[in-house]
């Protein structure tokens, strides 16, 4: 099959339209975009049950090789798909995700479906209610078929845990898929689901998206509210959408976004505002291109893949200049606030069974003083103000998602980059969590591949709360760059 996106789209749509009347959907249904699939379902050329059957078959084929979906509930999904088809037949108003299969990250609670958080302490945990993210996706018509793998309690950008083991990169099974939304990213890339949810504190939506050649969007804090958050004003962590294209991510965000009176950071714009057309003119738009983020190391092959895309933005009409914000103080602020959050989240639990990196982070958090937290909050505020001042001149900031290409799946985290030691299990992800510290919306889009065939991601950061603007530039880049989907050949 052609790897050219336009040719592939026409081929798939043509084949689908010709054969959707059959009792079972053709295998290439799983390679359709979510927008295409949703359109076929609305036109009754594909049923929710046919879409589900095709994806369950793909899971049977692919999941044993990559270990992305760790809990599968085909009976529940089949009943949901049946109800969706019957509702459509009766003329019900359809949600934007009607009939689309989805698997939820194993950090979000799902009513009646096992949620382990990747921890032996919760290996048999079956929640009694859905988290808000799951509620909204269901309300929009998505069909839950299972849960996707994550590191233990989502800690770290490498997806492995003692309950289910590691999720493998579909482009090279000996390599990591990143994390913490690693199972979601791999399930998407392997055609096991068309849409996914994830979450991001230090890069957990962006890092696995980069490593799987898909799209992951860390939205502004409050864009997808968290009414259960212990720290209601905590800005480092947020839920968000993942998919194979920017348009698909926007579609999912249209269901996830919107205010919630229980969350103090909740933003007022309705989710429907993200369903608008993404087209825009770019002549004269000022874009800042990264330098070295204050001297942090990047593997040459990662830098080369991202730098090769600079011409795409210039060709769009953007004014591209090498410049970057001053992230001084982000290290102390992020690590301190993260440790404080971890200590609070795990208070009263037996930490002795946790992985050593998470246990150390919790212990660091328990030792924090009021002065430490005051310093961290002050430094984060200073970072935020400098970054927002930077964005008065530039509308976008572009940099690599990760500092290294996908590494050995048996290695918990990179201990050095270009000979420079990494002091902790998250130091190799500064290119993501510097942005998290500032809180600006940031999206990971495919930037191509290394010489070894490993995916690399490009990160587009936008102005404060300018989430739709980020989607617009990401969409324009995606259409112009034409980075091949290059489906894994497992």
Protein backbone atom coordinates (compact mmCIF):
# COMPACT_ATOMS: atom_id res chain seq x y z
CA UNK A 1 0.00 0.00 0.00
CA UNK A 2 1.24 3.49 -0.80
CA UNK A 3 2.70 5.51 2.08
CA UNK A 4 1.67 8.79 0.46
CA UNK A 5 -1.07 10.20 2.79
CA UNK A 6 -3.33 11.51 0.02
CA UNK A 7 -3.09 8.37 -2.08
CA UNK A 8 -3.62 6.21 1.00
CA UNK A 9 -6.68 8.22 2.03
CA UNK A 10 -8.30 7.94 -1.39
CA UNK A 11 -7.51 4.23 -1.63
CA UNK A 12 -8.90 3.45 1.82
CA UNK A 13 -12.06 5.49 1.35
CA UNK A 14 -12.67 3.95 -2.04
CA UNK A 15 -12.20 0.43 -0.74
CA UNK A 16 -14.27 1.12 2.35
CA UNK A 17 -17.19 2.65 0.45
CA UNK A 18 -17.29 -0.34 -1.89
CA UNK A 19 -17.37 -2.99 0.79
CA UNK A 20 -19.01 -1.56 3.90
CA UNK A 21 -22.26 -3.29 3.06
CA UNK A 22 -20.59 -6.61 3.85
CA UNK A 23 -21.24 -8.26 7.20
CA UNK A 24 -17.71 -7.55 8.41
CA UNK A 25 -15.56 -4.49 7.73
CA UNK A 26 -12.41 -4.93 5.64
CA UNK A 27 -9.01 -4.95 7.41
CA UNK A 28 -8.08 -1.48 6.11
CA UNK A 29 -10.84 0.07 8.24
CA UNK A 30 -8.22 0.18 10.99
CA UNK A 31 -6.02 2.45 8.86
CA UNK A 32 -8.70 5.07 8.32
CA UNK A 33 -8.40 8.32 10.21
CA UNK A 34 -10.89 8.85 13.01
CA UNK A 35 -12.53 11.65 11.01
CA UNK A 36 -12.96 9.34 8.02
CA UNK A 37 -14.24 6.48 10.17
CA UNK A 38 -16.73 8.69 12.00
CA UNK A 39 -17.98 10.02 8.66
CA UNK A 40 -18.59 6.53 7.30
CA UNK A 41 -20.49 5.56 10.45
CA UNK A 42 -22.69 8.67 10.23
CA UNK A 43 -23.47 7.86 6.59
CA UNK A 44 -24.35 4.28 7.62
CA UNK A 45 -21.65 2.89 5.33
CA UNK A 46 -19.99 1.38 8.41
CA UNK A 47 -21.67 0.33 11.63
CA UNK A 48 -20.25 0.68 15.13
CA UNK A 49 -20.29 -3.12 15.40
CA UNK A 50 -18.32 -3.52 12.18
CA UNK A 51 -15.77 -0.93 13.26
CA UNK A 52 -15.38 -2.67 16.62
CA UNK A 53 -15.04 -6.11 15.04
CA UNK A 54 -12.27 -4.89 12.75
CA UNK A 55 -10.35 -3.37 15.66
CA UNK A 56 -10.77 -6.41 17.90
CA UNK A 57 -9.32 -8.52 15.10
CA UNK A 58 -6.42 -6.09 14.77
CA UNK A 59 -5.82 -6.28 18.52
CA UNK A 60 -5.71 -10.06 18.28
CA UNK A 61 -3.09 -9.78 15.53
CA UNK A 62 -0.91 -7.01 16.90
CA UNK A 63 -1.19 -6.74 20.66
CA UNK A 64 0.74 -9.91 21.57
CA UNK A 65 3.76 -8.38 19.82
CA UNK A 66 3.71 -4.97 21.50
CA UNK A 67 1.68 -5.32 24.75
CA UNK A 68 -0.15 -2.01 24.39
CA UNK A 69 -3.67 -2.94 25.52
CA UNK A 70 -3.51 -4.61 28.92
CA UNK A 71 -7.20 -5.08 29.74
CA UNK A 72 -9.65 -6.02 26.98
CA UNK A 73 -13.44 -6.09 27.46
CA UNK A 74 -14.93 -7.29 24.14
CA UNK A 75 -18.29 -8.23 25.69
CA UNK A 76 -18.80 -4.76 27.15
CA UNK A 77 -17.63 -3.13 23.92
CA UNK A 78 -19.91 -5.29 21.77
CA UNK A 79 -22.94 -4.33 23.86
CA UNK A 80 -22.01 -0.64 23.67
CA UNK A 81 -21.60 -0.89 19.89
CA UNK A 82 -24.98 -2.61 19.58
CA UNK A 83 -26.62 0.16 21.58
CA UNK A 84 -24.90 2.77 19.43
CA UNK A 85 -26.16 1.21 16.20
CA UNK A 86 -29.69 0.89 17.54
CA UNK A 87 -29.71 4.50 18.74
CA UNK A 88 -28.57 5.65 15.29
CA UNK A 89 -31.25 3.55 13.61
CA UNK A 90 -33.87 5.27 15.77
CA UNK A 91 -32.66 8.72 14.71
CA UNK A 92 -30.88 9.69 17.92
CA UNK A 93 -28.60 12.74 17.97
CA UNK A 94 -25.08 11.41 17.47
CA UNK A 95 -22.03 12.59 19.40
CA UNK A 96 -18.83 13.58 17.55
CA UNK A 97 -17.14 10.26 18.41
CA UNK A 98 -20.15 8.06 17.71
CA UNK A 99 -19.11 4.46 17.11
CA UNK A 100 -15.34 5.00 17.40
CA UNK A 101 -13.52 2.34 19.46
CA UNK A 102 -11.28 3.63 22.25
CA UNK A 103 -9.07 2.24 25.00
CA UNK A 104 -8.45 4.37 28.08
CA UNK A 105 -5.12 4.92 29.82
CA UNK A 106 -4.81 2.63 32.84
CA UNK A 107 -4.49 5.66 35.11
CA UNK A 108 -8.11 6.78 34.61
CA UNK A 109 -10.87 5.00 36.47
CA UNK A 110 -13.38 3.06 34.38
CA UNK A 111 -16.61 1.83 35.91
CA UNK A 112 -16.74 -1.96 35.95
CA UNK A 113 -13.38 -2.29 34.13
CA UNK A 114 -10.13 -3.10 35.90
CA UNK A 115 -7.90 -0.09 36.57
CA UNK A 116 -4.47 -1.04 37.96
CA UNK A 117 -2.38 2.15 37.67
CA UNK A 118 0.39 -0.30 36.73
CA UNK A 119 0.76 -1.27 40.40
CA UNK A 120 0.47 -4.65 42.12
CA UNK A 121 -1.42 -2.83 44.90
CA UNK A 122 -4.28 -2.28 42.43
CA UNK A 123 -3.96 -5.28 40.12
CA UNK A 124 -7.54 -6.39 40.92
CA UNK A 125 -9.07 -2.94 41.34
CA UNK A 126 -12.45 -2.44 39.62
CA UNK A 127 -13.75 1.14 40.07
CA UNK A 128 -17.41 1.91 40.76
CA UNK A 129 -17.49 5.05 38.62
CA UNK A 130 -15.85 6.62 35.57
CA UNK A 131 -13.42 9.50 35.71
CA UNK A 132 -14.62 12.67 33.97
CA UNK A 133 -12.43 12.00 30.91
CA UNK A 134 -14.12 8.64 30.38
CA UNK A 135 -17.57 10.11 31.01
CA UNK A 136 -17.08 12.77 28.35
CA UNK A 137 -15.70 10.35 25.77
CA UNK A 138 -18.60 7.96 26.32
CA UNK A 139 -21.09 10.80 26.12
CA UNK A 140 -19.55 11.75 22.77
CA UNK A 141 -20.26 8.22 21.50
CA UNK A 142 -16.89 6.46 21.85
CA UNK A 143 -16.98 2.69 22.44
CA UNK A 144 -14.73 1.55 25.32
CA UNK A 145 -12.92 -1.71 24.52
CA UNK A 146 -10.20 -1.75 27.19
CA UNK A 147 -7.26 -0.08 28.91
CA UNK A 148 -3.78 0.89 27.68
CA UNK A 149 -0.48 0.27 29.45
CA UNK A 150 1.35 2.85 31.53
CA UNK A 151 4.36 2.97 33.89
CA UNK A 152 3.72 2.32 37.57
CA UNK A 153 1.43 5.18 38.65
CA UNK A 154 2.42 6.96 35.42
CA UNK A 155 5.87 7.78 36.79
CA UNK A 156 8.49 8.10 34.05
CA UNK A 157 8.63 8.26 30.27
CA UNK A 158 9.22 4.54 29.76
CA UNK A 159 6.18 2.25 29.76
CA UNK A 160 6.81 -0.79 31.93
CA UNK A 161 5.36 -2.00 35.22
CA UNK A 162 5.36 -5.13 37.41
CA UNK A 163 1.75 -6.01 36.56
CA UNK A 164 1.86 -6.16 32.76
CA UNK A 165 5.51 -5.71 31.77
CA UNK A 166 6.78 -3.40 29.04
CA UNK A 167 5.10 -2.00 25.96
CA UNK A 168 7.37 -2.23 22.92
CA UNK A 169 7.97 0.22 20.11
CA UNK A 170 6.27 -1.14 16.96
CA UNK A 171 9.07 0.20 14.73
CA UNK A 172 11.69 -1.78 16.67
CA UNK A 173 10.51 -4.24 19.31
CA UNK A 174 13.82 -3.93 21.15
CA UNK A 175 13.13 -0.23 21.84
CA UNK A 176 10.88 1.66 24.25
CA UNK A 177 7.69 3.41 23.18
CA UNK A 178 8.23 6.16 25.76
CA UNK A 179 5.54 7.05 28.27
CA UNK A 180 3.61 7.41 30.31
CA UNK A 181 0.84 7.18 27.68
CA UNK A 182 2.92 4.56 25.88
CA UNK A 183 0.26 1.90 25.52
CA UNK A 184 -2.12 4.43 23.98
CA UNK A 185 0.47 5.63 21.46
CA UNK A 186 1.39 2.12 20.33
CA UNK A 187 -2.24 0.99 20.12
CA UNK A 188 -2.90 3.95 17.82
CA UNK A 189 0.13 3.37 15.65
CA UNK A 190 -0.72 -0.32 15.23
CA UNK A 191 -4.32 0.41 14.19
CA UNK A 192 -5.82 -1.18 17.30
CA UNK A 193 -7.81 1.98 18.10
CA UNK A 194 -8.43 5.20 16.12
CA UNK A 195 -8.44 7.59 19.12
CA UNK A 196 -7.07 7.62 22.67
CA UNK A 197 -6.87 9.62 25.85
CA UNK A 198 -3.70 10.25 27.82
CA UNK A 199 -2.19 12.56 30.42
CA UNK A 200 0.96 14.65 30.63
CA UNK A 201 3.02 16.08 33.45
CA UNK A 202 6.58 15.81 32.18
CA UNK A 203 5.85 14.83 28.58
CA UNK A 204 3.56 11.80 28.88
CA UNK A 205 1.37 12.76 25.91
CA UNK A 206 4.18 14.19 23.80
CA UNK A 207 7.03 11.71 24.38
CA UNK A 208 5.18 8.50 23.37
CA UNK A 209 3.58 10.34 20.44
CA UNK A 210 7.07 11.21 19.19
CA UNK A 211 8.27 7.63 19.64
CA UNK A 212 5.25 6.17 17.80
CA UNK A 213 5.00 8.64 14.89
CA UNK A 214 1.58 9.92 15.97
CA UNK A 215 0.14 13.15 17.47
CA UNK A 216 -0.17 13.94 21.17
CA UNK A 217 -1.47 17.24 22.53
CA UNK A 218 -0.65 18.61 25.99
CA UNK A 219 -3.42 21.18 26.29
CA UNK A 220 -3.49 24.20 28.59
CA UNK A 221 -4.13 23.38 32.26
CA UNK A 222 -7.89 23.56 32.76
CA UNK A 223 -8.73 22.87 29.12
CA UNK A 224 -9.62 19.30 30.15
CA UNK A 225 -10.57 19.84 33.81
CA UNK A 226 -9.72 17.41 36.59
CA UNK A 227 -12.46 17.65 39.24
CA UNK A 228 -10.75 14.98 41.39
CA UNK A 229 -7.33 16.63 41.63
CA UNK A 230 -6.07 16.89 45.21
CA UNK A 231 -4.31 20.14 44.26
CA UNK A 232 -6.96 22.13 42.45
CA UNK A 233 -4.52 24.83 41.30
CA UNK A 234 -1.76 22.42 40.22
CA UNK A 235 -0.72 23.30 36.63
CA UNK A 236 1.93 20.68 35.84
CA UNK A 237 -0.42 17.83 34.92
CA UNK A 238 -3.25 17.67 32.43
CA UNK A 239 -5.25 15.11 30.46
CA UNK A 240 -5.41 15.37 26.68
CA UNK A 241 -6.03 13.66 23.34
CA UNK A 242 -3.89 11.37 21.15
CA UNK A 243 -4.53 10.20 17.59
CA UNK A 244 -2.78 9.58 14.27
CA UNK A 245 -3.53 13.00 12.73
CA UNK A 246 -3.99 16.57 13.94
CA UNK A 247 -7.61 16.64 12.73
CA UNK A 248 -8.31 13.50 14.73
CA UNK A 249 -6.77 15.07 17.85
CA UNK A 250 -8.98 18.13 17.38
CA UNK A 251 -11.99 15.82 17.07
CA UNK A 252 -11.18 14.10 20.36
CA UNK A 253 -10.52 17.43 22.07
CA UNK A 254 -13.94 18.66 20.98
CA UNK A 255 -15.35 15.92 23.24
CA UNK A 256 -12.85 16.27 26.11
CA UNK A 257 -12.68 20.06 26.51
CA UNK A 258 -15.15 22.27 28.31
CA UNK A 259 -15.71 23.80 31.74
CA UNK A 260 -16.43 21.94 34.96
CA UNK A 261 -17.56 23.87 38.04
CA UNK A 262 -15.70 21.43 40.32
CA UNK A 263 -12.27 22.37 38.89
CA UNK A 264 -10.91 25.85 39.76
CA UNK A 265 -8.59 26.04 36.73
CA UNK A 266 -11.41 25.05 34.34
CA UNK A 267 -11.43 27.11 31.13
CA UNK A 268 -14.78 28.41 29.82
CA UNK A 269 -14.62 27.63 26.09
CA UNK A 270 -16.89 24.72 25.08
CA UNK A 271 -15.42 21.65 23.43
CA UNK A 272 -17.30 22.43 20.22
CA UNK A 273 -14.94 25.37 19.64
CA UNK A 274 -12.28 22.82 18.61
CA UNK A 275 -14.49 21.39 15.85
CA UNK A 276 -13.93 24.47 13.66
CA UNK A 277 -11.90 24.23 10.41
CA UNK A 278 -8.16 24.36 11.09
CA UNK A 279 -7.13 26.27 7.98
CA UNK A 280 -5.34 29.63 8.28
CA UNK A 281 -2.91 31.89 6.39
CA UNK A 282 0.65 32.04 7.72
CA UNK A 283 2.37 34.87 5.91
CA UNK A 284 4.42 36.89 8.39
CA UNK A 285 3.72 34.68 11.42
CA UNK A 286 6.72 34.86 13.77
CA UNK A 287 8.09 31.47 14.83
CA UNK A 288 11.02 30.91 17.21
CA UNK A 289 13.29 27.93 16.51
CA UNK A 290 15.08 26.34 19.46
CA UNK A 291 18.78 26.72 20.24
CA UNK A 292 19.85 24.41 23.07
CA UNK A 293 17.44 25.23 25.93
CA UNK A 294 20.20 26.64 28.06
CA UNK A 295 22.72 23.92 27.26
CA UNK A 296 20.79 20.68 27.77
CA UNK A 297 22.02 17.90 25.46
CA UNK A 298 20.23 16.55 22.38
CA UNK A 299 21.31 13.53 20.38
CA UNK A 300 22.57 14.75 16.98
CA UNK A 301 20.16 12.46 15.10
CA UNK A 302 17.18 13.97 16.96
CA UNK A 303 18.34 17.53 16.34
CA UNK A 304 18.98 16.76 12.67
CA UNK A 305 15.50 15.30 12.11
CA UNK A 306 13.80 18.33 13.67
CA UNK A 307 16.06 20.90 12.00
CA UNK A 308 15.27 19.30 8.64
CA UNK A 309 11.66 20.46 9.06
CA UNK A 310 12.52 24.15 9.54
CA UNK A 311 12.11 24.84 5.82
CA UNK A 312 8.49 23.63 5.97
CA UNK A 313 7.54 26.53 8.24
CA UNK A 314 9.43 29.05 6.12
CA UNK A 315 7.66 27.75 3.02
CA UNK A 316 4.32 28.28 4.76
CA UNK A 317 5.20 31.96 4.97
CA UNK A 318 6.37 32.07 8.59
CA UNK A 319 9.26 34.25 9.72
CA UNK A 320 11.49 31.68 11.44
CA UNK A 321 14.23 32.92 13.77
CA UNK A 322 16.48 31.07 16.19
CA UNK A 323 15.42 32.16 19.67
CA UNK A 324 14.14 30.61 22.86
CA UNK A 325 12.77 31.59 26.27
CA UNK A 326 14.90 31.64 29.41
CA UNK A 327 13.94 28.57 31.44
CA UNK A 328 16.24 29.33 34.39
CA UNK A 329 14.74 27.94 37.57
CA UNK A 330 12.55 25.38 35.80
CA UNK A 331 14.67 22.48 37.11
CA UNK A 332 14.12 23.29 40.77
CA UNK A 333 10.51 24.35 40.31
CA UNK A 334 9.38 21.31 38.34
CA UNK A 335 11.21 18.66 40.38
CA UNK A 336 10.13 20.16 43.69
CA UNK A 337 6.48 20.53 42.77
CA UNK A 338 6.42 17.10 41.15
CA UNK A 339 7.89 15.49 44.29
CA UNK A 340 5.39 17.38 46.47
CA UNK A 341 2.53 16.11 44.31
CA UNK A 342 3.86 12.53 44.39
CA UNK A 343 4.24 12.55 48.18
CA UNK A 344 0.68 13.81 48.58
CA UNK A 345 -0.82 11.39 46.04
CA UNK A 346 0.79 8.37 47.71
CA UNK A 347 0.41 9.38 51.36
CA UNK A 348 -0.57 6.45 53.58
CA UNK A 349 0.41 3.75 51.06
CA UNK A 350 3.11 1.11 51.38
CA UNK A 351 5.89 2.52 49.19
CA UNK A 352 8.22 -0.42 49.77
CA UNK A 353 6.80 -2.24 46.73
CA UNK A 354 7.18 0.76 44.40
CA UNK A 355 9.98 1.03 41.85
CA UNK A 356 13.03 2.73 43.32
CA UNK A 357 12.80 5.92 41.23
CA UNK A 358 9.22 6.60 42.32
CA UNK A 359 9.97 5.70 45.91
CA UNK A 360 12.87 8.17 45.99
CA UNK A 361 10.69 10.90 44.48
CA UNK A 362 8.04 10.36 47.16
CA UNK A 363 10.67 10.44 49.91
CA UNK A 364 12.09 13.66 48.47
CA UNK A 365 8.60 15.13 48.57
CA UNK A 366 8.10 14.12 52.19
CA UNK A 367 11.25 16.03 53.18
CA UNK A 368 10.20 19.31 51.57
CA UNK A 369 9.81 22.39 53.73
CA UNK A 370 7.55 25.38 53.35
CA UNK A 371 10.58 27.37 52.18
CA UNK A 372 11.27 24.78 49.46
CA UNK A 373 7.72 25.05 48.17
CA UNK A 374 7.75 28.83 48.32
CA UNK A 375 10.96 28.90 46.29
CA UNK A 376 9.51 26.44 43.74
CA UNK A 377 6.31 28.45 43.34
CA UNK A 378 8.29 31.68 42.97
CA UNK A 379 10.61 30.20 40.34
CA UNK A 380 7.69 28.72 38.40
CA UNK A 381 6.02 32.13 38.40
CA UNK A 382 9.22 33.73 37.10
CA UNK A 383 9.51 31.12 34.34
CA UNK A 384 5.88 31.70 33.39
CA UNK A 385 6.33 35.46 33.15
CA UNK A 386 9.51 35.21 31.06
CA UNK A 387 7.91 32.71 28.69
CA UNK A 388 4.79 34.82 28.23
CA UNK A 389 6.96 37.90 27.58
CA UNK A 390 8.81 35.86 24.93
CA UNK A 391 5.49 35.09 23.27
CA UNK A 392 4.67 38.76 22.82
CA UNK A 393 7.26 38.73 20.00
CA UNK A 394 6.75 35.19 18.71
CA UNK A 395 3.47 33.36 18.21
CA UNK A 396 5.07 29.91 18.33
CA UNK A 397 8.14 28.18 19.70
CA UNK A 398 9.39 24.99 18.01
CA UNK A 399 11.77 22.42 19.48
CA UNK A 400 12.30 18.65 19.63
CA UNK A 401 9.90 16.64 21.77
CA UNK A 402 12.63 14.39 23.15
CA UNK A 403 16.36 14.71 23.65
CA UNK A 404 17.06 11.12 22.59
CA UNK A 405 15.66 8.65 20.07
CA UNK A 406 13.86 5.51 21.34
CA UNK A 407 16.27 3.51 23.51
CA UNK A 408 16.52 -0.08 24.78
CA UNK A 409 13.21 -1.30 26.21
CA UNK A 410 15.12 -2.95 29.07
CA UNK A 411 16.72 0.34 30.11
CA UNK A 412 14.54 2.20 32.67
CA UNK A 413 15.78 5.61 31.50
CA UNK A 414 18.81 7.16 29.77
CA UNK A 415 21.59 7.79 32.27
CA UNK A 416 23.60 10.03 29.93
CA UNK A 417 23.16 12.00 26.71
CA UNK A 418 26.21 12.82 24.59
CA UNK A 419 28.34 11.88 27.59
CA UNK A 420 26.47 14.25 29.93
CA UNK A 421 25.10 12.37 32.99
CA UNK A 422 21.41 12.54 33.80
CA UNK A 423 20.90 13.14 37.51
CA UNK A 424 17.45 11.58 37.79
CA UNK A 425 14.98 9.39 35.91
CA UNK A 426 13.29 12.45 34.39
CA UNK A 427 16.29 14.62 33.49
CA UNK A 428 16.39 13.29 29.93
CA UNK A 429 12.93 14.82 29.33
CA UNK A 430 13.70 18.48 30.07
CA UNK A 431 12.69 19.39 26.51
CA UNK A 432 9.15 18.48 27.55
CA UNK A 433 8.89 19.45 31.19
CA UNK A 434 10.43 22.88 30.73
CA UNK A 435 7.28 23.56 28.70
CA UNK A 436 5.10 21.93 31.39
CA UNK A 437 6.58 24.32 33.95
CA UNK A 438 5.42 27.31 31.89
CA UNK A 439 2.00 25.73 31.23
CA UNK A 440 1.70 26.72 27.57
CA UNK A 441 -0.12 24.35 25.18
CA UNK A 442 2.26 22.07 23.25
CA UNK A 443 1.70 19.40 20.62
CA UNK A 444 3.94 16.59 19.35
CA UNK A 445 3.77 15.94 15.60
CA UNK A 446 5.89 13.52 13.52
CA UNK A 447 9.19 14.94 12.28
CA UNK A 448 10.39 11.88 10.37
CA UNK A 449 12.79 9.08 11.19
CA UNK A 450 16.41 8.52 12.13
CA UNK A 451 18.71 6.60 9.80
CA UNK A 452 17.81 3.49 11.83
CA UNK A 453 14.10 3.99 11.13
CA UNK A 454 13.15 5.27 14.60
CA UNK A 455 10.50 8.02 14.84
CA UNK A 456 11.32 11.56 15.97
CA UNK A 457 8.80 14.16 17.14
CA UNK A 458 8.63 17.92 16.66
CA UNK A 459 7.04 20.07 19.39
CA UNK A 460 4.97 23.17 18.63
CA UNK A 461 4.34 25.42 21.62
CA UNK A 462 1.77 28.21 21.50
CA UNK A 463 0.77 31.26 23.49
CA UNK A 464 -0.98 31.12 26.86
CA UNK A 465 -4.36 29.33 26.42
CA UNK A 466 -3.99 29.44 22.59
CA UNK A 467 -4.77 25.74 22.13
CA UNK A 468 -6.71 26.13 18.89
CA UNK A 469 -3.86 28.18 17.40
CA UNK A 470 -1.44 25.33 18.17
CA UNK A 471 -3.72 22.88 16.37
CA UNK A 472 -3.81 25.22 13.37
CA UNK A 473 -0.04 25.37 12.92
CA UNK A 474 0.30 21.65 13.61
CA UNK A 475 -2.29 20.95 10.91
CA UNK A 476 -0.58 23.24 8.40
CA UNK A 477 2.77 21.62 9.14
CA UNK A 478 1.31 18.11 8.86
CA UNK A 479 -0.22 18.88 5.45
CA UNK A 480 2.94 20.54 4.13
CA UNK A 481 5.57 18.20 5.58
CA UNK A 482 3.81 14.99 4.51
CA UNK A 483 5.82 12.85 6.93
CA UNK A 484 4.90 9.28 5.92
CA UNK A 485 2.70 7.28 8.25
CA UNK A 486 5.03 4.31 7.61
CA UNK A 487 2.87 1.69 9.28
CA UNK A 488 4.97 -0.77 11.33
CA UNK A 489 5.78 -3.99 9.49
CA UNK A 490 5.56 -6.42 12.38
